[in-house]
Every structure is written in structure tokens, then in C-alpha cells.
């Protein structure tokens, strides 16, 4: 799972507008946690599967265009960072799938 983001939302449990921790799987919202009362709203992992697979397909098919854009913008940085990026992707994918299967 990626690093959390934060947003001010109204909590359904305590009714306060407070900062909530947002966690994503890929580009899909997986959980929100109210920092005031700790209430967690989770998207059921099985219900995310179809959306996740659609998102994954989009990410895979758009990857060549995004890589070409990065290579044009900064060729040296692209070549320097490519090996590490290639090594990180399988782990990132496994983390996302594990989150979907386990939930959280």
C-alpha cells in the first residue's frame, strides 16, 4: 500500500470535520480513518477487485506513453532511474494484490 494522504472530511461516526488518513490500492481508495475518533471506513476488498483490474489494465496500457514522455523530458534521469523502477514494480504490484486479498 502506498503512503497515506490526508484530507479534511466529515466523519460519519463522530460527525466532526477532521483530518482523515486516506489509503489507496493502486489508484483506488481502500480506507479512510478519522484522526479525531479513529473510525475506519473500508472498501470491501472483493468489491474493489473489478475496479482494481480495470485500473491496472489502464496503467499497463498507458505505461509506454508515460515512459516515453519521461525519457523525452529528461533522458539522463530516465536512464539512471529505469533499473530501480523496473526492480520496484513487481513488489509494488504484489503489495497491491496482497492488500486486496487480505484487506488493509
N, C-alpha and C. Protein backbone atom coordinates (compact mmCIF):
# COMPACT_ATOMS: atom_id res chain seq x y z
N UNK A 1 0.84 -1.16 0.00
CA UNK A 1 0.00 0.00 0.00
C UNK A 1 0.89 1.23 0.00
N UNK A 2 0.43 2.27 -0.66
CA UNK A 2 1.21 3.49 -0.78
C UNK A 2 1.14 4.31 0.51
N UNK A 3 1.97 5.33 0.59
CA UNK A 3 1.94 6.23 1.74
C UNK A 3 0.57 6.91 1.80
N UNK A 4 0.07 7.16 3.01
CA UNK A 4 -1.26 7.77 3.12
C UNK A 4 -1.26 9.23 2.70
N UNK A 5 -2.43 9.67 2.28
CA UNK A 5 -2.68 11.09 2.04
C UNK A 5 -3.65 11.53 3.12
N UNK A 6 -3.83 12.83 3.26
CA UNK A 6 -4.72 13.35 4.29
C UNK A 6 -5.66 14.38 3.69
N UNK A 7 -6.90 14.37 4.19
CA UNK A 7 -7.90 15.34 3.73
C UNK A 7 -8.86 15.62 4.88
N UNK A 8 -9.40 16.84 4.90
CA UNK A 8 -10.42 17.19 5.88
C UNK A 8 -11.76 16.70 5.38
N UNK A 9 -12.38 15.80 6.13
CA UNK A 9 -13.67 15.23 5.78
C UNK A 9 -14.56 15.23 7.02
N UNK A 10 -15.86 15.10 6.81
CA UNK A 10 -16.78 14.96 7.93
C UNK A 10 -16.93 13.48 8.24
N UNK A 11 -16.65 13.12 9.48
CA UNK A 11 -16.69 11.73 9.91
C UNK A 11 -18.14 11.27 10.07
N UNK A 12 -18.44 10.09 9.55
CA UNK A 12 -19.80 9.55 9.68
C UNK A 12 -20.06 9.03 11.09
N UNK A 13 -19.01 8.77 11.86
CA UNK A 13 -19.18 8.24 13.22
C UNK A 13 -19.31 9.36 14.25
N UNK A 14 -18.36 10.30 14.25
CA UNK A 14 -18.37 11.34 15.29
C UNK A 14 -18.99 12.65 14.82
N UNK A 15 -19.21 12.80 13.52
CA UNK A 15 -19.86 13.99 12.97
C UNK A 15 -18.96 15.21 12.87
N UNK A 16 -17.70 15.09 13.28
CA UNK A 16 -16.78 16.22 13.23
C UNK A 16 -16.10 16.31 11.86
N UNK A 17 -15.79 17.53 11.46
CA UNK A 17 -14.95 17.71 10.28
C UNK A 17 -13.52 17.65 10.79
N UNK A 18 -12.80 16.63 10.38
CA UNK A 18 -11.45 16.40 10.89
C UNK A 18 -10.58 15.83 9.78
N UNK A 19 -9.29 15.84 10.04
CA UNK A 19 -8.35 15.24 9.09
C UNK A 19 -8.57 13.73 9.07
N UNK A 20 -8.63 13.18 7.87
CA UNK A 20 -8.76 11.74 7.69
C UNK A 20 -7.56 11.22 6.92
N UNK A 21 -7.08 10.06 7.32
CA UNK A 21 -5.99 9.39 6.61
C UNK A 21 -6.62 8.58 5.47
N UNK A 22 -6.15 8.80 4.26
CA UNK A 22 -6.66 8.11 3.08
C UNK A 22 -5.59 7.15 2.58
N UNK A 23 -5.96 5.88 2.42
CA UNK A 23 -5.03 4.88 1.90
C UNK A 23 -5.59 4.33 0.60
N UNK A 24 -4.70 4.15 -0.36
CA UNK A 24 -5.08 3.68 -1.68
C UNK A 24 -4.44 2.35 -2.01
N UNK A 25 -5.09 1.61 -2.87
CA UNK A 25 -4.52 0.42 -3.52
C UNK A 25 -4.48 0.79 -4.98
N UNK A 26 -3.27 0.93 -5.53
CA UNK A 26 -3.17 1.47 -6.89
C UNK A 26 -3.71 2.89 -6.86
N UNK A 27 -4.71 3.15 -7.68
CA UNK A 27 -5.34 4.47 -7.69
C UNK A 27 -6.69 4.47 -7.00
N UNK A 28 -7.08 3.36 -6.40
CA UNK A 28 -8.39 3.23 -5.78
C UNK A 28 -8.32 3.45 -4.27
N UNK A 29 -9.28 4.19 -3.74
CA UNK A 29 -9.34 4.43 -2.31
C UNK A 29 -9.71 3.14 -1.60
N UNK A 30 -8.91 2.73 -0.61
CA UNK A 30 -9.15 1.50 0.13
C UNK A 30 -9.72 1.76 1.51
N UNK A 31 -9.18 2.75 2.25
CA UNK A 31 -9.68 3.06 3.59
C UNK A 31 -9.58 4.55 3.87
N UNK A 32 -10.46 4.99 4.76
CA UNK A 32 -10.33 6.32 5.35
C UNK A 32 -10.39 6.13 6.86
N UNK A 33 -9.55 6.86 7.58
CA UNK A 33 -9.52 6.77 9.04
C UNK A 33 -9.60 8.17 9.62
N UNK A 34 -10.61 8.39 10.46
CA UNK A 34 -10.77 9.68 11.13
C UNK A 34 -9.68 9.81 12.19
N UNK A 35 -8.93 10.90 12.13
CA UNK A 35 -7.86 11.09 13.12
C UNK A 35 -8.42 11.59 14.45
N UNK A 36 -9.67 12.03 14.46
CA UNK A 36 -10.28 12.51 15.71
C UNK A 36 -10.80 11.36 16.56
N UNK A 37 -11.51 10.41 15.93
CA UNK A 37 -12.12 9.33 16.72
C UNK A 37 -11.61 7.94 16.35
N UNK A 38 -10.82 7.83 15.27
CA UNK A 38 -10.27 6.54 14.86
C UNK A 38 -11.20 5.67 14.03
N UNK A 39 -12.40 6.18 13.70
CA UNK A 39 -13.35 5.39 12.91
C UNK A 39 -12.75 5.10 11.53
N UNK A 40 -12.84 3.84 11.11
CA UNK A 40 -12.29 3.41 9.83
C UNK A 40 -13.42 3.01 8.89
N UNK A 41 -13.38 3.53 7.69
CA UNK A 41 -14.29 3.11 6.64
C UNK A 41 -13.45 2.37 5.61
N UNK A 42 -13.79 1.10 5.39
CA UNK A 42 -13.04 0.27 4.45
C UNK A 42 -13.91 -0.10 3.26
N UNK A 43 -13.31 -0.08 2.09
CA UNK A 43 -13.96 -0.62 0.92
C UNK A 43 -13.70 -2.12 0.98
N UNK A 44 -14.75 -2.93 0.83
CA UNK A 44 -14.60 -4.38 0.90
C UNK A 44 -13.66 -4.82 -0.23
N UNK A 45 -12.56 -5.51 0.11
CA UNK A 45 -11.57 -5.87 -0.91
C UNK A 45 -12.15 -6.57 -2.14
N UNK A 46 -13.08 -7.47 -1.95
CA UNK A 46 -13.64 -8.18 -3.11
C UNK A 46 -14.38 -7.23 -4.05
N UNK A 47 -15.01 -6.21 -3.48
CA UNK A 47 -15.73 -5.26 -4.34
C UNK A 47 -14.75 -4.37 -5.11
N UNK A 48 -13.52 -4.28 -4.63
CA UNK A 48 -12.51 -3.47 -5.31
C UNK A 48 -11.86 -4.20 -6.47
N UNK A 49 -11.97 -5.51 -6.50
CA UNK A 49 -11.21 -6.30 -7.46
C UNK A 49 -11.48 -5.90 -8.91
N UNK A 50 -12.74 -5.76 -9.29
CA UNK A 50 -13.06 -5.39 -10.67
C UNK A 50 -12.49 -4.02 -11.01
N UNK A 51 -12.69 -3.06 -10.10
CA UNK A 51 -12.15 -1.72 -10.32
C UNK A 51 -10.64 -1.72 -10.38
N UNK A 52 -10.02 -2.51 -9.50
CA UNK A 52 -8.56 -2.59 -9.47
C UNK A 52 -8.02 -3.17 -10.78
N UNK A 53 -8.64 -4.24 -11.26
CA UNK A 53 -8.18 -4.85 -12.51
C UNK A 53 -8.34 -3.90 -13.68
N UNK A 54 -9.42 -3.14 -13.70
CA UNK A 54 -9.62 -2.14 -14.76
C UNK A 54 -8.54 -1.06 -14.67
N UNK A 55 -8.27 -0.60 -13.44
CA UNK A 55 -7.24 0.41 -13.23
C UNK A 55 -5.87 -0.12 -13.62
N UNK A 56 -5.57 -1.37 -13.25
CA UNK A 56 -4.29 -1.99 -13.59
C UNK A 56 -4.13 -2.09 -15.11
N UNK A 57 -5.19 -2.50 -15.80
CA UNK A 57 -5.13 -2.56 -17.25
C UNK A 57 -4.81 -1.19 -17.85
N UNK A 58 -5.45 -0.15 -17.33
CA UNK A 58 -5.19 1.20 -17.82
C UNK A 58 -3.75 1.62 -17.54
N UNK A 59 -3.25 1.31 -16.36
CA UNK A 59 -1.87 1.66 -16.01
C UNK A 59 -0.87 0.95 -16.91
N UNK A 60 -1.13 -0.32 -17.21
CA UNK A 60 -0.20 -1.10 -18.05
C UNK A 60 -0.23 -0.59 -19.49
N UNK A 61 -1.42 -0.33 -20.02
CA UNK A 61 -1.50 0.10 -21.42
C UNK A 61 -1.00 1.53 -21.62
N UNK A 62 -1.09 2.37 -20.58
CA UNK A 62 -0.61 3.75 -20.72
C UNK A 62 0.87 3.90 -20.36
N UNK A 63 1.48 2.86 -19.81
CA UNK A 63 2.87 2.94 -19.35
C UNK A 63 3.86 3.32 -20.45
N UNK A 64 3.78 2.73 -21.65
CA UNK A 64 4.76 3.11 -22.69
C UNK A 64 4.72 4.60 -23.02
N UNK A 65 3.53 5.18 -23.08
CA UNK A 65 3.41 6.61 -23.38
C UNK A 65 4.01 7.44 -22.24
N UNK A 66 3.73 7.05 -21.00
CA UNK A 66 4.27 7.79 -19.85
C UNK A 66 5.79 7.67 -19.79
N UNK A 67 6.31 6.48 -20.11
CA UNK A 67 7.77 6.30 -20.10
C UNK A 67 8.43 7.13 -21.20
N UNK A 68 7.82 7.15 -22.38
CA UNK A 68 8.38 7.94 -23.49
C UNK A 68 8.39 9.42 -23.13
N UNK A 69 7.33 9.89 -22.48
CA UNK A 69 7.25 11.30 -22.08
C UNK A 69 8.37 11.63 -21.10
N UNK A 70 8.58 10.74 -20.12
CA UNK A 70 9.67 10.97 -19.15
C UNK A 70 11.04 10.94 -19.83
N UNK A 71 11.23 10.04 -20.77
CA UNK A 71 12.51 9.93 -21.48
C UNK A 71 12.78 11.20 -22.29
N UNK A 72 11.76 11.75 -22.92
CA UNK A 72 11.93 12.99 -23.69
C UNK A 72 12.23 14.17 -22.78
N UNK A 73 11.54 14.22 -21.64
CA UNK A 73 11.68 15.35 -20.72
C UNK A 73 13.07 15.41 -20.10
N UNK A 74 13.60 14.26 -19.69
CA UNK A 74 14.90 14.23 -19.01
C UNK A 74 15.57 12.89 -19.29
N UNK A 75 16.24 12.75 -20.46
CA UNK A 75 16.80 11.46 -20.87
C UNK A 75 17.80 10.86 -19.88
N UNK A 76 18.67 11.67 -19.33
CA UNK A 76 19.69 11.14 -18.41
C UNK A 76 19.05 10.61 -17.12
N UNK A 77 18.13 11.36 -16.58
CA UNK A 77 17.44 10.90 -15.37
C UNK A 77 16.65 9.62 -15.66
N UNK A 78 16.01 9.58 -16.81
CA UNK A 78 15.23 8.40 -17.19
C UNK A 78 16.12 7.15 -17.22
N UNK A 79 17.27 7.25 -17.87
CA UNK A 79 18.19 6.10 -17.98
C UNK A 79 18.75 5.73 -16.60
N UNK A 80 19.05 6.72 -15.78
CA UNK A 80 19.61 6.48 -14.45
C UNK A 80 18.60 5.80 -13.53
N UNK A 81 17.32 6.19 -13.61
CA UNK A 81 16.31 5.68 -12.69
C UNK A 81 15.58 4.44 -13.19
N UNK A 82 15.71 4.11 -14.46
CA UNK A 82 14.96 2.99 -15.03
C UNK A 82 15.24 1.65 -14.35
N UNK A 83 16.50 1.27 -14.09
CA UNK A 83 16.73 -0.04 -13.45
C UNK A 83 16.03 -0.18 -12.10
N UNK A 84 16.11 0.84 -11.28
CA UNK A 84 15.45 0.79 -9.97
C UNK A 84 13.94 0.71 -10.10
N UNK A 85 13.39 1.47 -11.05
CA UNK A 85 11.95 1.44 -11.27
C UNK A 85 11.49 0.06 -11.72
N UNK A 86 12.26 -0.57 -12.59
CA UNK A 86 11.91 -1.90 -13.06
C UNK A 86 11.97 -2.93 -11.93
N UNK A 87 12.91 -2.77 -11.02
CA UNK A 87 13.04 -3.70 -9.90
C UNK A 87 11.93 -3.50 -8.86
N UNK A 88 11.43 -2.26 -8.72
CA UNK A 88 10.40 -1.97 -7.73
C UNK A 88 9.00 -2.43 -8.15
N UNK A 89 8.73 -2.48 -9.45
CA UNK A 89 7.37 -2.73 -9.90
C UNK A 89 6.77 -4.07 -9.45
N UNK A 90 7.49 -5.19 -9.53
CA UNK A 90 6.88 -6.44 -9.07
C UNK A 90 6.48 -6.40 -7.60
N UNK A 91 7.32 -5.81 -6.76
CA UNK A 91 6.99 -5.70 -5.34
C UNK A 91 5.79 -4.80 -5.10
N UNK A 92 5.72 -3.72 -5.84
CA UNK A 92 4.59 -2.80 -5.71
C UNK A 92 3.29 -3.51 -6.09
N UNK A 93 3.33 -4.26 -7.18
CA UNK A 93 2.16 -5.00 -7.64
C UNK A 93 1.75 -6.06 -6.62
N UNK A 94 2.73 -6.78 -6.08
CA UNK A 94 2.43 -7.80 -5.07
C UNK A 94 1.83 -7.18 -3.81
N UNK A 95 2.33 -6.01 -3.40
CA UNK A 95 1.77 -5.31 -2.24
C UNK A 95 0.31 -4.94 -2.48
N UNK A 96 0.02 -4.43 -3.68
CA UNK A 96 -1.35 -4.04 -4.01
C UNK A 96 -2.27 -5.26 -4.00
N UNK A 97 -1.83 -6.33 -4.62
CA UNK A 97 -2.66 -7.54 -4.67
C UNK A 97 -2.84 -8.13 -3.27
N UNK A 98 -1.79 -8.12 -2.47
CA UNK A 98 -1.88 -8.62 -1.10
C UNK A 98 -2.88 -7.82 -0.29
N UNK A 99 -2.88 -6.51 -0.48
CA UNK A 99 -3.84 -5.65 0.22
C UNK A 99 -5.26 -6.01 -0.19
N UNK A 100 -5.47 -6.25 -1.46
CA UNK A 100 -6.80 -6.63 -1.94
C UNK A 100 -7.24 -7.97 -1.35
N UNK A 101 -6.33 -8.90 -1.29
CA UNK A 101 -6.67 -10.24 -0.81
C UNK A 101 -6.88 -10.24 0.71
N UNK A 102 -5.95 -9.63 1.44
CA UNK A 102 -6.03 -9.60 2.91
C UNK A 102 -7.02 -8.58 3.41
N UNK A 103 -7.11 -7.47 2.67
CA UNK A 103 -7.88 -6.33 3.19
C UNK A 103 -7.01 -5.58 4.17
N UNK A 104 -6.74 -4.35 3.89
CA UNK A 104 -5.87 -3.47 4.68
C UNK A 104 -4.48 -3.90 4.51
